[in-house]
Amino acid sequence: MFYSKFHARSITERAARAEVCVSFNGLILGQDVATAACGLLNAGYFAEYAWRGDSANGRRAGAVALTLVSIAAVIEAIFSQVLFWSQREVLSPDILSPGIWALVRVPLLLATVAISSIIIRRLVR
């Protein structure tokens, strides 16, 4: 009797954990897709600003630096996805816990979204 209750409970617990992992996996994918999209928008805007050449040299150098930072954010988002999905079975579940992974990715997402919102506000005006 004990075995069947324990076994049934462990199956339902595993199913519940799998459901949570699936939703976190979608969140992780969405975070990195949004980060990459915002990074591409930012890189395009700053590259165009630097290429235009109608501003001071200091502003052009800043635009080049922000272009490189935005490209780095895109590369990091892509690398993050490759690492997350390729190492899920190899590493311990504690190391790549979907909840922790999603939490760690939030600052980069917020930074790229904030820069994109400034760019969009400037373009709309």
Foldseek 3Di string as FASTA:
>chain_A
DVVVVVVVVVVVVVVVVVVVQVVLVVLLLVLLVLLLVLLVVLLVVLVVVLVVPPDDPVSNVVSVVSNVVSVVSNVVSVVLVCCLVVCCVPDDCVVNVSVVSSVVSVVSSVVSVVSSVVVVVVVVD
